[in-house]
Amino acid sequence: MNPETVIDAVSAVFMVTGALMSLAAAVGLLRFPDLMSRMHAATKPQVLGLFLLLAALGLQMRTWWVWPVLVVAWLFQLLTVPVSAHMVGRAGYRTKHLHPELLSSDELEAVVQQAAGQQAAKHGVDDDEAGR
């Protein structure tokens, strides 16, 4: 079996699998009922799908210099997608865009209540100082 044929077959499998993962992320964004579920659908399969597509691209290019560029592109996605998902999740939680009955545990409630109490205390002090 020719090595070029093997590389083509592996890259074809990577492309199809990566495209299906990205399609699963898109379908999840449209079909899932709440923000938290959609957040997972947008991040988990998308990163793996991108990795597979970049690997297929690197295999098809058949040059060594493209791999560092592809690795850097994937690393930036790997680092930024969880951070953006975290920020979207927290913003959605604070603005009540979630279904509490779908949460198995709510670990953020105590933190949000404490922050709201501190914010209220801060505004109360500012109002007293403004009245003097």
Protein backbone atom coordinates (compact mmCIF):
# COMPACT_ATOMS: atom_id res chain seq x y z
CA MET A 1 0.00 0.00 0.00
CA ASN A 2 1.29 3.40 -0.99
CA PRO A 3 2.05 5.84 1.91
CA GLU A 4 0.32 8.64 0.00
CA THR A 5 -2.87 6.58 -0.14
CA VAL A 6 -2.74 5.97 3.60
CA ILE A 7 -2.23 9.68 4.29
CA ASP A 8 -5.15 10.52 2.01
CA ALA A 9 -7.39 7.98 3.73
CA VAL A 10 -6.47 9.19 7.23
CA SER A 11 -6.99 12.83 6.27
CA ALA A 12 -10.36 11.97 4.68
CA VAL A 13 -11.48 10.27 7.90
CA PHE A 14 -10.28 13.27 9.91
CA MET A 15 -12.12 15.70 7.62
CA VAL A 16 -15.40 13.81 7.73
CA THR A 17 -15.21 13.28 11.50
CA GLY A 18 -14.25 16.92 12.11
CA ALA A 19 -17.08 18.14 9.91
CA LEU A 20 -19.55 15.88 11.75
CA MET A 21 -18.34 17.20 15.10
CA SER A 22 -18.82 20.77 13.92
CA LEU A 23 -22.26 19.86 12.59
CA ALA A 24 -23.13 18.32 15.96
CA ALA A 25 -22.13 21.59 17.64
CA ALA A 26 -24.35 23.57 15.28
CA VAL A 27 -27.32 21.25 15.79
CA GLY A 28 -26.81 21.41 19.55
CA LEU A 29 -26.88 25.19 19.44
CA LEU A 30 -30.21 25.09 17.68
CA ARG A 31 -31.89 22.22 19.50
CA PHE A 32 -30.79 22.33 23.15
CA PRO A 33 -33.29 23.95 25.50
CA ASP A 34 -31.22 26.26 27.68
CA LEU A 35 -28.08 28.36 27.77
CA MET A 36 -25.96 25.90 29.74
CA SER A 37 -26.65 23.02 27.35
CA ARG A 38 -26.01 25.22 24.35
CA MET A 39 -22.78 26.42 25.87
CA HIS A 40 -21.49 22.85 26.07
CA ALA A 41 -22.65 22.13 22.54
CA ALA A 42 -20.77 25.15 21.25
CA THR A 43 -17.48 24.32 22.96
CA LYS A 44 -16.90 20.59 23.35
CA PRO A 45 -17.40 19.16 19.85
CA GLN A 46 -16.24 22.35 18.15
CA VAL A 47 -12.72 22.15 19.58
CA LEU A 48 -12.34 18.49 18.67
CA GLY A 49 -13.80 19.09 15.21
CA LEU A 50 -11.39 21.93 14.61
CA PHE A 51 -8.47 19.77 15.77
CA LEU A 52 -9.42 17.02 13.33
CA LEU A 53 -9.87 19.45 10.44
CA LEU A 54 -6.52 21.12 11.15
CA ALA A 55 -4.82 17.71 11.36
CA ALA A 56 -6.37 16.74 8.02
CA LEU A 57 -5.17 20.01 6.52
CA GLY A 58 -1.65 19.42 7.82
CA LEU A 59 -1.61 15.90 6.40
CA GLN A 60 -2.81 17.10 3.02
CA MET A 61 -0.29 19.95 2.78
CA ARG A 62 2.61 17.48 3.22
CA THR A 63 5.05 20.18 4.31
CA TRP A 64 6.61 20.51 7.73
CA TRP A 65 6.29 24.30 8.06
CA VAL A 66 2.49 24.26 8.15
CA TRP A 67 2.32 22.18 11.36
CA PRO A 68 3.54 24.88 13.78
CA VAL A 69 0.99 27.32 12.38
CA LEU A 70 -1.80 24.78 12.73
CA VAL A 71 -0.74 23.89 16.27
CA VAL A 72 -0.72 27.58 17.26
CA ALA A 73 -4.20 28.06 15.74
CA TRP A 74 -5.51 25.04 17.64
CA LEU A 75 -3.86 26.11 20.91
CA PHE A 76 -5.45 29.54 20.70
CA GLN A 77 -8.84 27.88 20.24
CA LEU A 78 -8.11 25.46 23.06
CA LEU A 79 -7.27 28.34 25.39
CA THR A 80 -9.96 30.83 24.42
CA VAL A 81 -13.05 28.64 23.99
CA PRO A 82 -13.27 27.54 27.65
CA VAL A 83 -12.75 31.11 28.85
CA SER A 84 -15.45 32.48 26.58
CA ALA A 85 -17.82 29.67 27.54
CA HIS A 86 -17.18 30.41 31.20
CA MET A 87 -17.95 34.09 30.71
CA VAL A 88 -21.12 33.36 28.71
CA GLY A 89 -22.24 30.91 31.38
CA ARG A 90 -21.70 33.38 34.21
CA ALA A 91 -23.43 36.17 32.30
CA GLY A 92 -26.36 33.88 31.54
CA TYR A 93 -26.57 32.81 35.16
CA ARG A 94 -26.57 36.37 36.45
CA THR A 95 -29.23 37.47 33.97
CA LYS A 96 -31.40 34.41 34.81
CA HIS A 97 -31.20 32.89 31.30
CA LEU A 98 -31.18 29.33 32.58
CA HIS A 99 -33.54 26.66 33.79
CA PRO A 100 -32.71 26.00 37.47
CA GLU A 101 -34.66 22.74 37.42
CA LEU A 102 -32.19 21.34 34.88
CA LEU A 103 -29.17 21.98 37.13
CA SER A 104 -28.05 19.01 39.20
CA SER A 105 -26.17 21.30 41.60
CA ASP A 106 -25.92 25.07 41.82
CA GLU A 107 -22.43 25.88 43.05
CA LEU A 108 -22.55 29.47 41.85
CA GLU A 109 -25.60 30.59 43.84
CA ALA A 110 -23.70 31.27 47.08
CA VAL A 111 -21.06 33.32 45.24
CA VAL A 112 -23.67 35.40 43.40
CA GLN A 113 -25.64 36.02 46.60
CA GLN A 114 -22.48 37.11 48.42
CA ALA A 115 -21.52 39.45 45.58
CA ALA A 116 -25.04 40.92 45.53
CA GLY A 117 -24.88 41.51 49.30
CA GLN A 118 -21.52 43.24 49.00
CA GLN A 119 -22.82 45.38 46.14
CA ALA A 120 -25.89 46.38 48.15
CA ALA A 121 -23.73 47.22 51.18
CA LYS A 122 -21.42 49.30 49.00
CA HIS A 123 -24.31 51.29 47.54
CA GLY A 124 -25.78 51.79 50.99
CA VAL A 125 -22.50 53.30 52.23
CA ASP A 126 -22.26 55.52 49.19
CA ASP A 127 -25.84 56.78 49.75
CA ASP A 128 -25.06 57.62 53.42
CA GLU A 129 -21.89 59.48 52.45
CA ALA A 130 -23.74 61.39 49.76
CA GLY A 131 -26.33 62.58 52.31
CA ARG A 132 -23.71 64.22 54.59
